[in-house]
Structures are given as C-alpha cells and as structure tokens.
C-alpha cells in the first residue's frame, strides 16, 4: 500500500474550517437573536454533518 505524506495544512485544514464555522455559529447565536439563532444552529450542525458524512464514506471504502 502506497502512503501519501500530508503536510500540516492538508491535515488540519478541514478541522480548522469546521472550528471557525462552529465558533461563528456559537458566537452569533449568543450575541444576536432572530435569524442568528437559526443560522447559529445550522453552522454548529455542520460539524455533525461532516462527521456523519465521513463515517458513511469510510464504511463504503
């Protein structure tokens, strides 16, 4: 099996994006009302969706 050596950016790019999106959702939902509550829940939920998607993709491989 051939392995591909990944750089730090390749390893941490997706988790960093998920962190920023989730943090934006949390801060937005805490500081504002109305639209930000729903948007914040959706942004925080992106991490859950990404985990489920990765698990489904890994089980097919």
Protein backbone atom coordinates (compact mmCIF):
# COMPACT_ATOMS: atom_id res chain seq x y z
CA UNK A 1 0.00 0.00 0.00
CA UNK A 2 1.38 3.34 -1.04
CA UNK A 3 1.19 6.12 1.52
CA UNK A 4 0.94 9.80 0.81
CA UNK A 5 2.71 12.09 3.24
CA UNK A 6 0.44 15.01 4.06
CA UNK A 7 1.57 18.47 5.05
CA UNK A 8 0.28 20.19 8.17
CA UNK A 9 -2.08 22.30 6.08
CA UNK A 10 -3.57 19.21 4.46
CA UNK A 11 -4.06 17.55 7.85
CA UNK A 12 -5.54 20.49 9.76
CA UNK A 13 -7.37 22.50 7.06
CA UNK A 14 -10.77 20.80 7.36
CA UNK A 15 -10.85 20.68 11.17
CA UNK A 16 -9.84 24.34 11.26
CA UNK A 17 -12.63 25.30 8.88
CA UNK A 18 -15.14 23.31 10.96
CA UNK A 19 -13.87 25.04 14.10
CA UNK A 20 -14.23 28.53 12.61
CA UNK A 21 -17.71 27.76 11.25
CA UNK A 22 -18.84 26.30 14.58
CA UNK A 23 -17.38 29.16 16.59
CA UNK A 24 -19.05 31.67 14.29
CA UNK A 25 -22.36 29.90 14.85
CA UNK A 26 -21.93 29.84 18.63
CA UNK A 27 -20.90 33.46 18.93
CA UNK A 28 -23.57 34.64 16.52
CA UNK A 29 -26.31 32.75 18.33
CA UNK A 30 -25.17 34.05 21.70
CA UNK A 31 -24.83 37.68 20.70
CA UNK A 32 -27.83 38.16 18.41
CA UNK A 33 -31.42 36.98 18.25
CA UNK A 34 -33.79 36.02 15.49
CA UNK A 35 -32.08 34.95 12.31
CA UNK A 36 -28.77 34.32 14.07
CA UNK A 37 -30.33 31.68 16.33
CA UNK A 38 -31.31 29.53 13.37
CA UNK A 39 -28.16 30.32 11.45
CA UNK A 40 -26.05 29.55 14.52
CA UNK A 41 -27.71 26.16 14.95
CA UNK A 42 -27.11 25.36 11.28
CA UNK A 43 -23.46 26.42 11.49
CA UNK A 44 -22.85 24.37 14.64
CA UNK A 45 -24.59 21.42 12.98
CA UNK A 46 -22.12 21.40 10.11
CA UNK A 47 -19.60 19.57 12.29
CA UNK A 48 -22.12 16.80 12.97
CA UNK A 49 -22.99 16.54 9.28
CA UNK A 50 -19.29 16.36 8.37
CA UNK A 51 -18.68 13.56 10.89
CA UNK A 52 -21.65 11.52 9.69
CA UNK A 53 -20.63 12.03 6.05
CA UNK A 54 -17.05 10.93 6.77
CA UNK A 55 -18.21 7.83 8.65
CA UNK A 56 -20.55 6.81 5.81
CA UNK A 57 -17.83 7.40 3.24
CA UNK A 58 -15.30 5.41 5.28
CA UNK A 59 -17.68 2.46 5.68
CA UNK A 60 -18.12 2.22 1.89
CA UNK A 61 -14.36 2.13 1.25
